[in-house]
């Protein structure tokens, strides 16, 4: 994982308490991780954060839909 302080000012994805937050990393302290999302500012307790990664490293792949049986 990249150094979290090097991601300040960049778009990140934060996983905390099983939820995914995407926004710009504003500040990291011993107590909280602060991000600015599209709609609000979010402060997440460090103890609840399981991962912080650059948003561009998130891969989204969608498999094309294939129907197993042909339609009658």
PDB file of N, CA and C in Angstrom:
ATOM      1  N   UNK A   1       0.850  -1.188   0.000  1.00  0.00           N
ATOM      2  CA  UNK A   1       0.000   0.000   0.000  1.00  0.00           C
ATOM      3  C   UNK A   1       0.885   1.236   0.000  1.00  0.00           C
ATOM      4  N   UNK A   2       0.498   2.207  -0.772  1.00  0.00           N
ATOM      5  CA  UNK A   2       1.239   3.463  -0.836  1.00  0.00           C
ATOM      6  C   UNK A   2       1.145   4.198   0.500  1.00  0.00           C
ATOM      7  N   UNK A   3       2.130   5.053   0.785  1.00  0.00           N
ATOM      8  CA  UNK A   3       2.104   5.853   2.006  1.00  0.00           C
ATOM      9  C   UNK A   3       0.868   6.752   1.978  1.00  0.00           C
ATOM     10  N   UNK A   4       0.082   6.681   3.027  1.00  0.00           N
ATOM     11  CA  UNK A   4      -1.191   7.411   3.055  1.00  0.00           C
ATOM     12  C   UNK A   4      -0.987   8.926   2.954  1.00  0.00           C
ATOM     13  N   UNK A   5       0.070   9.432   3.519  1.00  0.00           N
ATOM     14  CA  UNK A   5       0.299  10.886   3.470  1.00  0.00           C
ATOM     15  C   UNK A   5       0.601  11.369   2.052  1.00  0.00           C
ATOM     16  N   UNK A   6       1.124  10.494   1.214  1.00  0.00           N
ATOM     17  CA  UNK A   6       1.400  10.879  -0.176  1.00  0.00           C
ATOM     18  C   UNK A   6       0.108  10.979  -0.993  1.00  0.00           C
ATOM     19  N   UNK A   7      -1.001  10.475  -0.447  1.00  0.00           N
ATOM     20  CA  UNK A   7      -2.281  10.525  -1.152  1.00  0.00           C
ATOM     21  C   UNK A   7      -3.116  11.749  -0.781  1.00  0.00           C
ATOM     22  N   UNK A   8      -2.645  12.575   0.136  1.00  0.00           N
ATOM     23  CA  UNK A   8      -3.392  13.778   0.519  1.00  0.00           C
ATOM     24  C   UNK A   8      -3.563  14.675  -0.706  1.00  0.00           C
ATOM     25  N   UNK A   9      -4.799  15.123  -0.921  1.00  0.00           N
ATOM     26  CA  UNK A   9      -5.125  15.962  -2.071  1.00  0.00           C
ATOM     27  C   UNK A   9      -5.513  15.172  -3.303  1.00  0.00           C
ATOM     28  N   UNK A  10      -5.476  13.846  -3.203  1.00  0.00           N
ATOM     29  CA  UNK A  10      -5.815  13.000  -4.345  1.00  0.00           C
ATOM     30  C   UNK A  10      -7.090  12.225  -4.052  1.00  0.00           C
ATOM     31  N   UNK A  11      -7.727  11.740  -5.121  1.00  0.00           N
ATOM     32  CA  UNK A  11      -8.940  10.963  -4.950  1.00  0.00           C
ATOM     33  C   UNK A  11      -8.585   9.556  -4.459  1.00  0.00           C
ATOM     34  N   UNK A  12      -9.277   9.151  -3.397  1.00  0.00           N
ATOM     35  CA  UNK A  12      -9.017   7.860  -2.782  1.00  0.00           C
ATOM     36  C   UNK A  12     -10.321   7.100  -2.550  1.00  0.00           C
ATOM     37  N   UNK A  13     -10.164   5.843  -2.256  1.00  0.00           N
ATOM     38  CA  UNK A  13     -11.270   5.014  -1.810  1.00  0.00           C
ATOM     39  C   UNK A  13     -10.897   4.528  -0.413  1.00  0.00           C
ATOM     40  N   UNK A  14     -11.799   4.734   0.549  1.00  0.00           N
ATOM     41  CA  UNK A  14     -11.563   4.342   1.930  1.00  0.00           C
ATOM     42  C   UNK A  14     -12.601   3.292   2.309  1.00  0.00           C
ATOM     43  N   UNK A  15     -12.133   2.193   2.903  1.00  0.00           N
ATOM     44  CA  UNK A  15     -13.029   1.166   3.413  1.00  0.00           C
ATOM     45  C   UNK A  15     -13.024   1.290   4.931  1.00  0.00           C
ATOM     46  N   UNK A  16     -14.211   1.523   5.500  1.00  0.00           N
ATOM     47  CA  UNK A  16     -14.345   1.672   6.944  1.00  0.00           C
ATOM     48  C   UNK A  16     -15.660   1.049   7.384  1.00  0.00           C
ATOM     49  N   UNK A  17     -15.596   0.182   8.376  1.00  0.00           N
ATOM     50  CA  UNK A  17     -16.791  -0.499   8.891  1.00  0.00           C
ATOM     51  C   UNK A  17     -17.597  -1.170   7.788  1.00  0.00           C
ATOM     52  N   UNK A  18     -16.912  -1.731   6.809  1.00  0.00           N
ATOM     53  CA  UNK A  18     -17.599  -2.424   5.725  1.00  0.00           C
ATOM     54  C   UNK A  18     -18.231  -1.516   4.684  1.00  0.00           C
ATOM     55  N   UNK A  19     -18.064  -0.218   4.818  1.00  0.00           N
ATOM     56  CA  UNK A  19     -18.609   0.750   3.855  1.00  0.00           C
ATOM     57  C   UNK A  19     -17.461   1.298   3.005  1.00  0.00           C
ATOM     58  N   UNK A  20     -17.788   1.662   1.763  1.00  0.00           N
ATOM     59  CA  UNK A  20     -16.801   2.245   0.855  1.00  0.00           C
ATOM     60  C   UNK A  20     -17.099   3.724   0.689  1.00  0.00           C
ATOM     61  N   UNK A  21     -16.095   4.547   0.916  1.00  0.00           N
ATOM     62  CA  UNK A  21     -16.206   5.994   0.738  1.00  0.00           C
ATOM     63  C   UNK A  21     -15.219   6.402  -0.334  1.00  0.00           C
ATOM     64  N   UNK A  22     -15.662   7.249  -1.257  1.00  0.00           N
ATOM     65  CA  UNK A  22     -14.786   7.726  -2.321  1.00  0.00           C
ATOM     66  C   UNK A  22     -14.783   9.240  -2.283  1.00  0.00           C
ATOM     67  N   UNK A  23     -13.593   9.817  -2.273  1.00  0.00           N
ATOM     68  CA  UNK A  23     -13.473  11.269  -2.243  1.00  0.00           C
ATOM     69  C   UNK A  23     -12.018  11.688  -2.221  1.00  0.00           C
ATOM     70  N   UNK A  24     -11.799  12.975  -1.987  1.00  0.00           N
ATOM     71  CA  UNK A  24     -10.448  13.521  -1.930  1.00  0.00           C
ATOM     72  C   UNK A  24      -9.961  13.440  -0.489  1.00  0.00           C
ATOM     73  N   UNK A  25      -8.787  12.856  -0.303  1.00  0.00           N
ATOM     74  CA  UNK A  25      -8.199  12.754   1.027  1.00  0.00           C
ATOM     75  C   UNK A  25      -7.712  14.134   1.462  1.00  0.00           C
ATOM     76  N   UNK A  26      -8.259  14.613   2.572  1.00  0.00           N
ATOM     77  CA  UNK A  26      -7.947  15.958   3.046  1.00  0.00           C
ATOM     78  C   UNK A  26      -6.897  15.948   4.144  1.00  0.00           C
ATOM     79  N   UNK A  27      -7.073  15.057   5.129  1.00  0.00           N
ATOM     80  CA  UNK A  27      -6.183  15.053   6.284  1.00  0.00           C
ATOM     81  C   UNK A  27      -6.187  13.677   6.932  1.00  0.00           C
ATOM     82  N   UNK A  28      -5.043  13.320   7.501  1.00  0.00           N
ATOM     83  CA  UNK A  28      -4.909  12.082   8.263  1.00  0.00           C
ATOM     84  C   UNK A  28      -4.248  12.425   9.580  1.00  0.00           C
ATOM     85  N   UNK A  29      -4.880  12.011  10.683  1.00  0.00           N
ATOM     86  CA  UNK A  29      -4.291  12.220  12.005  1.00  0.00           C
ATOM     87  C   UNK A  29      -4.253  10.889  12.733  1.00  0.00           C
ATOM     88  N   UNK A  30      -3.805  10.906  13.976  1.00  0.00           N
ATOM     89  CA  UNK A  30      -3.795   9.683  14.780  1.00  0.00           C
ATOM     90  C   UNK A  30      -5.205   9.222  15.109  1.00  0.00           C
ATOM     91  N   UNK A  31      -6.171  10.115  14.999  1.00  0.00           N
ATOM     92  CA  UNK A  31      -7.545   9.813  15.399  1.00  0.00           C
ATOM     93  C   UNK A  31      -8.501   9.616  14.220  1.00  0.00           C
ATOM     94  N   UNK A  32      -8.353  10.431  13.157  1.00  0.00           N
ATOM     95  CA  UNK A  32      -9.344  10.435  12.079  1.00  0.00           C
ATOM     96  C   UNK A  32      -8.709  10.498  10.695  1.00  0.00           C
ATOM     97  N   UNK A  33      -9.494  10.023   9.722  1.00  0.00           N
ATOM     98  CA  UNK A  33      -9.186  10.179   8.299  1.00  0.00           C
ATOM     99  C   UNK A  33     -10.295  11.074   7.747  1.00  0.00           C
ATOM    100  N   UNK A  34      -9.919  12.209   7.166  1.00  0.00           N
ATOM    101  CA  UNK A  34     -10.891  13.166   6.642  1.00  0.00           C
ATOM    102  C   UNK A  34     -10.865  13.132   5.122  1.00  0.00           C
ATOM    103  N   UNK A  35     -12.061  12.940   4.534  1.00  0.00           N
ATOM    104  CA  UNK A  35     -12.174  12.998   3.078  1.00  0.00           C
ATOM    105  C   UNK A  35     -13.333  13.912   2.699  1.00  0.00           C
ATOM    106  N   UNK A  36     -13.229  14.476   1.511  1.00  0.00           N
ATOM    107  CA  UNK A  36     -14.303  15.298   0.957  1.00  0.00           C
ATOM    108  C   UNK A  36     -14.935  14.504  -0.169  1.00  0.00           C
ATOM    109  N   UNK A  37     -16.185  14.065   0.053  1.00  0.00           N
ATOM    110  CA  UNK A  37     -16.899  13.308  -0.967  1.00  0.00           C
ATOM    111  C   UNK A  37     -17.630  14.281  -1.881  1.00  0.00           C
ATOM    112  N   UNK A  38     -18.356  13.759  -2.828  1.00  0.00           N
ATOM    113  CA  UNK A  38     -19.103  14.612  -3.759  1.00  0.00           C
ATOM    114  C   UNK A  38     -20.165  15.438  -3.041  1.00  0.00           C
ATOM    115  N   UNK A  39     -20.695  14.930  -1.928  1.00  0.00           N
ATOM    116  CA  UNK A  39     -21.802  15.616  -1.257  1.00  0.00           C
ATOM    117  C   UNK A  39     -21.483  16.193   0.107  1.00  0.00           C
ATOM    118  N   UNK A  40     -20.404  15.728   0.747  1.00  0.00           N
ATOM    119  CA  UNK A  40     -20.148  16.173   2.119  1.00  0.00           C
ATOM    120  C   UNK A  40     -18.713  15.883   2.528  1.00  0.00           C
ATOM    121  N   UNK A  41     -18.345  16.395   3.695  1.00  0.00           N
ATOM    122  CA  UNK A  41     -17.068  16.080   4.309  1.00  0.00           C
ATOM    123  C   UNK A  41     -17.313  14.925   5.262  1.00  0.00           C
ATOM    124  N   UNK A  42     -16.372  13.980   5.298  1.00  0.00           N
ATOM    125  CA  UNK A  42     -16.521  12.801   6.144  1.00  0.00           C
ATOM    126  C   UNK A  42     -15.269  12.637   6.995  1.00  0.00           C
ATOM    127  N   UNK A  43     -15.481  12.433   8.309  1.00  0.00           N
ATOM    128  CA  UNK A  43     -14.385  12.125   9.231  1.00  0.00           C
ATOM    129  C   UNK A  43     -14.597  10.700   9.720  1.00  0.00           C
ATOM    130  N   UNK A  44     -13.643   9.836   9.434  1.00  0.00           N
ATOM    131  CA  UNK A  44     -13.736   8.435   9.815  1.00  0.00           C
ATOM    132  C   UNK A  44     -12.698   8.127  10.889  1.00  0.00           C
ATOM    133  N   UNK A  45     -13.111   7.493  11.993  1.00  0.00           N
ATOM    134  CA  UNK A  45     -12.130   7.115  13.021  1.00  0.00           C
ATOM    135  C   UNK A  45     -11.109   6.133  12.440  1.00  0.00           C
ATOM    136  N   UNK A  46      -9.845   6.369  12.727  1.00  0.00           N
ATOM    137  CA  UNK A  46      -8.781   5.507  12.213  1.00  0.00           C
ATOM    138  C   UNK A  46      -9.019   4.053  12.610  1.00  0.00           C
ATOM    139  N   UNK A  47      -9.556   3.829  13.786  1.00  0.00           N
ATOM    140  CA  UNK A  47      -9.788   2.456  14.259  1.00  0.00           C
ATOM    141  C   UNK A  47     -10.797   1.696  13.408  1.00  0.00           C
ATOM    142  N   UNK A  48     -11.633   2.408  12.643  1.00  0.00           N
ATOM    143  CA  UNK A  48     -12.632   1.738  11.798  1.00  0.00           C
ATOM    144  C   UNK A  48     -12.162   1.569  10.355  1.00  0.00           C
ATOM    145  N   UNK A  49     -11.058   2.193   9.983  1.00  0.00           N
ATOM    146  CA  UNK A  49     -10.571   2.160   8.596  1.00  0.00           C
ATOM    147  C   UNK A  49      -9.739   0.900   8.365  1.00  0.00           C
ATOM    148  N   UNK A  50     -10.134   0.120   7.372  1.00  0.00           N
ATOM    149  CA  UNK A  50      -9.377  -1.091   7.053  1.00  0.00           C
ATOM    150  C   UNK A  50      -8.495  -0.930   5.821  1.00  0.00           C
ATOM    151  N   UNK A  51      -8.815   0.049   4.937  1.00  0.00           N
ATOM    152  CA  UNK A  51      -8.006   0.239   3.732  1.00  0.00           C
ATOM    153  C   UNK A  51      -8.195   1.639   3.179  1.00  0.00           C
ATOM    154  N   UNK A  52      -7.101   2.194   2.693  1.00  0.00           N
ATOM    155  CA  UNK A  52      -7.121   3.461   1.953  1.00  0.00           C
ATOM    156  C   UNK A  52      -6.267   3.229   0.726  1.00  0.00           C
ATOM    157  N   UNK A  53      -6.853   3.470  -0.458  1.00  0.00           N
ATOM    158  CA  UNK A  53      -6.100   3.252  -1.693  1.00  0.00           C
ATOM    159  C   UNK A  53      -6.467   4.326  -2.709  1.00  0.00           C
ATOM    160  N   UNK A  54      -5.548   4.597  -3.625  1.00  0.00           N
ATOM    161  CA  UNK A  54      -5.866   5.574  -4.669  1.00  0.00           C
ATOM    162  C   UNK A  54      -7.071   5.102  -5.468  1.00  0.00           C
ATOM    163  N   UNK A  55      -7.944   6.015  -5.823  1.00  0.00           N
ATOM    164  CA  UNK A  55      -9.166   5.657  -6.550  1.00  0.00           C
ATOM    165  C   UNK A  55      -8.847   5.069  -7.914  1.00  0.00           C
ATOM    166  N   UNK A  56      -7.758   5.482  -8.547  1.00  0.00           N
ATOM    167  CA  UNK A  56      -7.427   4.959  -9.865  1.00  0.00           C
ATOM    168  C   UNK A  56      -6.933   3.525  -9.821  1.00  0.00           C
ATOM    169  N   UNK A  57      -6.630   2.996  -8.631  1.00  0.00           N
ATOM    170  CA  UNK A  57      -6.174   1.611  -8.534  1.00  0.00           C
ATOM    171  C   UNK A  57      -7.337   0.644  -8.414  1.00  0.00           C
ATOM    172  N   UNK A  58      -8.537   1.178  -8.254  1.00  0.00           N
ATOM    173  CA  UNK A  58      -9.716   0.331  -8.118  1.00  0.00           C
ATOM    174  C   UNK A  58     -10.115  -0.168  -9.496  1.00  0.00           C
ATOM    175  N   UNK A  59     -10.178  -1.467  -9.648  1.00  0.00           N
ATOM    176  CA  UNK A  59     -10.537  -2.041 -10.941  1.00  0.00           C
ATOM    177  C   UNK A  59     -12.002  -2.424 -10.931  1.00  0.00           C
ATOM    178  N   UNK A  60     -12.688  -2.061 -11.959  1.00  0.00           N
ATOM    179  CA  UNK A  60     -14.088  -2.427 -12.098  1.00  0.00           C
ATOM    180  C   UNK A  60     -14.211  -3.205 -13.411  1.00  0.00           C
ATOM    181  N   UNK A  61     -14.545  -4.460 -13.314  1.00  0.00           N
ATOM    182  CA  UNK A  61     -14.734  -5.250 -14.528  1.00  0.00           C
ATOM    183  C   UNK A  61     -16.141  -5.812 -14.523  1.00  0.00           C
ATOM    184  N   UNK A  62     -16.772  -5.737 -15.646  1.00  0.00           N
ATOM    185  CA  UNK A  62     -18.102  -6.295 -15.811  1.00  0.00           C
ATOM    186  C   UNK A  62     -18.030  -7.374 -16.882  1.00  0.00           C
ATOM    187  N   UNK A  63     -18.498  -8.525 -16.533  1.00  0.00           N
ATOM    188  CA  UNK A  63     -18.540  -9.602 -17.506  1.00  0.00           C
ATOM    189  C   UNK A  63     -19.760  -9.387 -18.397  1.00  0.00           C
ATOM    190  N   UNK A  64     -19.628  -9.620 -19.689  1.00  0.00           N
ATOM    191  CA  UNK A  64     -20.797  -9.501 -20.570  1.00  0.00           C
ATOM    192  C   UNK A  64     -21.823 -10.565 -20.197  1.00  0.00           C
ATOM    193  N   UNK A  65     -23.067 -10.218 -20.346  1.00  0.00           N
ATOM    194  CA  UNK A  65     -24.143 -11.153 -20.037  1.00  0.00           C
ATOM    195  C   UNK A  65     -24.225 -12.220 -21.118  1.00  0.00           C
ATOM    196  N   UNK A  66     -24.194 -13.474 -20.702  1.00  0.00           N
ATOM    197  CA  UNK A  66     -24.346 -14.598 -21.621  1.00  0.00           C
ATOM    198  C   UNK A  66     -25.469 -15.478 -21.103  1.00  0.00           C
ATOM    199  N   UNK A  67     -26.454 -15.677 -21.930  1.00  0.00           N
ATOM    200  CA  UNK A  67     -27.538 -16.550 -21.522  1.00  0.00           C
ATOM    201  C   UNK A  67     -27.142 -17.980 -21.840  1.00  0.00           C
ATOM    202  N   UNK A  68     -27.320 -18.863 -20.861  1.00  0.00           N
ATOM    203  CA  UNK A  68     -26.904 -20.254 -21.038  1.00  0.00           C
ATOM    204  C   UNK A  68     -27.753 -21.020 -22.031  1.00  0.00           C
ATOM    205  N   UNK A  69     -29.034 -20.764 -22.034  1.00  0.00           N
ATOM    206  CA  UNK A  69     -29.915 -21.508 -22.937  1.00  0.00           C
ATOM    207  C   UNK A  69     -30.514 -20.550 -23.956  1.00  0.00           C
ATOM    208  N   UNK A  70     -30.593 -20.967 -25.214  1.00  0.00           N
ATOM    209  CA  UNK A  70     -31.179 -20.077 -26.233  1.00  0.00           C
ATOM    210  C   UNK A  70     -32.687 -19.935 -26.013  1.00  0.00           C
ATOM    211  N   UNK A  71     -33.203 -18.771 -26.375  1.00  0.00           N
ATOM    212  CA  UNK A  71     -34.646 -18.520 -26.245  1.00  0.00           C
ATOM    213  C   UNK A  71     -35.388 -19.324 -27.294  1.00  0.00           C
ATOM    214  N   UNK A  72     -36.574 -19.786 -26.943  1.00  0.00           N
ATOM    215  CA  UNK A  72     -37.398 -20.573 -27.888  1.00  0.00           C
ATOM    216  C   UNK A  72     -38.139 -19.682 -28.839  1.00  0.00           C
TER     217      UNK A  72
END
